[in-house]
Amino acid sequence: MSAKGATFKKNTVGAVLEQYFKDKKVSVKGNALILVTELFRVFVKEALSRAADQAKNEGDTRVTIEHFEKILAQLLLDM
């Protein structure tokens, strides 16, 4: 892990996105791919932070899927 923390590989993000495009000629490249990759990183970091806060508020020392489920709706509205 780097000093910035975990990251996503651009090629992996591009491949995942392209799986869901109906037109196989469509792709995400260049600056758009960099932007989407950064958006994923920020989204995941925020989700982890909120889930950790939720666990702490409940007096738990471990974050579980239930903590994530509790913060997901508001996270999606905020992002």
C-alpha atoms as a PDB file:
ATOM      1  CA  MET A   1       0.000   0.000   0.000  1.00  0.00           C
ATOM      2  CA  SER A   2       1.295   3.460  -0.844  1.00  0.00           C
ATOM      3  CA  ALA A   3       1.436   6.481   1.452  1.00  0.00           C
ATOM      4  CA  LYS A   4      -1.901   7.657   0.004  1.00  0.00           C
ATOM      5  CA  GLY A   5      -3.562   4.345   0.847  1.00  0.00           C
ATOM      6  CA  ALA A   6      -5.204   1.830  -1.414  1.00  0.00           C
ATOM      7  CA  THR A   7      -5.929   2.685  -5.033  1.00  0.00           C
ATOM      8  CA  PHE A   8      -7.691   1.113  -7.990  1.00  0.00           C
ATOM      9  CA  LYS A   9      -5.842   0.196 -11.158  1.00  0.00           C
ATOM     10  CA  LYS A  10      -7.152   2.178 -14.136  1.00  0.00           C
ATOM     11  CA  ASN A  11      -7.183  -0.883 -16.378  1.00  0.00           C
ATOM     12  CA  THR A  12      -9.265  -2.823 -13.863  1.00  0.00           C
ATOM     13  CA  VAL A  13     -11.784   0.008 -13.508  1.00  0.00           C
ATOM     14  CA  GLY A  14     -12.004   0.317 -17.290  1.00  0.00           C
ATOM     15  CA  ALA A  15     -12.558  -3.416 -17.711  1.00  0.00           C
ATOM     16  CA  VAL A  16     -15.299  -3.464 -15.073  1.00  0.00           C
ATOM     17  CA  LEU A  17     -17.073  -0.493 -16.666  1.00  0.00           C
ATOM     18  CA  GLU A  18     -16.872  -1.965 -20.156  1.00  0.00           C
ATOM     19  CA  GLN A  19     -18.590  -5.152 -18.969  1.00  0.00           C
ATOM     20  CA  TYR A  20     -21.758  -3.120 -18.424  1.00  0.00           C
ATOM     21  CA  PHE A  21     -21.772  -1.126 -21.668  1.00  0.00           C
ATOM     22  CA  LYS A  22     -24.430  -2.381 -24.089  1.00  0.00           C
ATOM     23  CA  ASP A  23     -22.473  -1.129 -27.093  1.00  0.00           C
ATOM     24  CA  LYS A  24     -19.136  -2.968 -27.142  1.00  0.00           C
ATOM     25  CA  LYS A  25     -17.622  -0.103 -29.169  1.00  0.00           C
ATOM     26  CA  VAL A  26     -17.948   2.236 -26.171  1.00  0.00           C
ATOM     27  CA  SER A  27     -14.977   2.529 -23.826  1.00  0.00           C
ATOM     28  CA  VAL A  28     -13.578   4.864 -21.190  1.00  0.00           C
ATOM     29  CA  LYS A  29     -10.045   6.103 -21.819  1.00  0.00           C
ATOM     30  CA  GLY A  30      -7.618   8.842 -20.874  1.00  0.00           C
ATOM     31  CA  ASN A  31      -8.696  11.569 -18.490  1.00  0.00           C
ATOM     32  CA  ALA A  32     -12.215  10.139 -18.164  1.00  0.00           C
ATOM     33  CA  LEU A  33     -10.798   6.855 -16.890  1.00  0.00           C
ATOM     34  CA  ILE A  34      -8.520   8.687 -14.454  1.00  0.00           C
ATOM     35  CA  LEU A  35     -11.507  10.676 -13.168  1.00  0.00           C
ATOM     36  CA  VAL A  36     -13.742   7.615 -12.720  1.00  0.00           C
ATOM     37  CA  THR A  37     -10.930   5.746 -10.962  1.00  0.00           C
ATOM     38  CA  GLU A  38     -10.459   8.652  -8.544  1.00  0.00           C
ATOM     39  CA  LEU A  39     -14.219   8.841  -7.972  1.00  0.00           C
ATOM     40  CA  PHE A  40     -14.254   5.147  -7.033  1.00  0.00           C
ATOM     41  CA  ARG A  41     -11.354   5.684  -4.634  1.00  0.00           C
ATOM     42  CA  VAL A  42     -13.060   8.631  -2.922  1.00  0.00           C
ATOM     43  CA  PHE A  43     -16.388   6.768  -2.733  1.00  0.00           C
ATOM     44  CA  VAL A  44     -14.830   3.691  -1.113  1.00  0.00           C
ATOM     45  CA  LYS A  45     -12.761   5.777   1.307  1.00  0.00           C
ATOM     46  CA  GLU A  46     -15.861   7.713   2.381  1.00  0.00           C
ATOM     47  CA  ALA A  47     -17.877   4.502   2.754  1.00  0.00           C
ATOM     48  CA  LEU A  48     -15.194   2.974   4.953  1.00  0.00           C
ATOM     49  CA  SER A  49     -14.954   6.106   7.069  1.00  0.00           C
ATOM     50  CA  ARG A  50     -18.706   6.313   7.596  1.00  0.00           C
ATOM     51  CA  ALA A  51     -19.011   2.602   8.364  1.00  0.00           C
ATOM     52  CA  ALA A  52     -16.193   2.907  10.917  1.00  0.00           C
ATOM     53  CA  ASP A  53     -17.941   5.880  12.534  1.00  0.00           C
ATOM     54  CA  GLN A  54     -21.183   3.890  12.639  1.00  0.00           C
ATOM     55  CA  ALA A  55     -19.428   0.977  14.345  1.00  0.00           C
ATOM     56  CA  LYS A  56     -17.797   3.322  16.854  1.00  0.00           C
ATOM     57  CA  ASN A  57     -21.150   4.984  17.623  1.00  0.00           C
ATOM     58  CA  GLU A  58     -22.597   1.549  18.353  1.00  0.00           C
ATOM     59  CA  GLY A  59     -19.670   0.675  20.621  1.00  0.00           C
ATOM     60  CA  ASP A  60     -18.250  -1.944  18.252  1.00  0.00           C
ATOM     61  CA  THR A  61     -14.545  -2.400  17.585  1.00  0.00           C
ATOM     62  CA  ARG A  62     -15.042  -4.148  14.234  1.00  0.00           C
ATOM     63  CA  VAL A  63     -16.827  -2.869  11.150  1.00  0.00           C
ATOM     64  CA  THR A  64     -19.355  -5.318   9.738  1.00  0.00           C
ATOM     65  CA  ILE A  65     -21.564  -5.414   6.679  1.00  0.00           C
ATOM     66  CA  GLU A  66     -24.432  -4.247   8.905  1.00  0.00           C
ATOM     67  CA  HIS A  67     -22.575  -0.996   9.617  1.00  0.00           C
ATOM     68  CA  PHE A  68     -22.038  -0.503   5.899  1.00  0.00           C
ATOM     69  CA  GLU A  69     -25.705  -1.204   5.166  1.00  0.00           C
ATOM     70  CA  LYS A  70     -26.750   1.449   7.697  1.00  0.00           C
ATOM     71  CA  ILE A  71     -24.699   4.202   6.031  1.00  0.00           C
ATOM     72  CA  LEU A  72     -25.235   3.212   2.396  1.00  0.00           C
ATOM     73  CA  ALA A  73     -28.480   5.078   1.646  1.00  0.00           C
ATOM     74  CA  GLN A  74     -27.184   8.421   2.935  1.00  0.00           C
ATOM     75  CA  LEU A  75     -23.817   7.894   1.241  1.00  0.00           C
ATOM     76  CA  LEU A  76     -25.495   7.383  -2.111  1.00  0.00           C
ATOM     77  CA  LEU A  77     -27.579  10.519  -1.610  1.00  0.00           C
ATOM     78  CA  ASP A  78     -24.503  12.543  -0.652  1.00  0.00           C
ATOM     79  CA  MET A  79     -22.338  11.355  -3.509  1.00  0.00           C
END
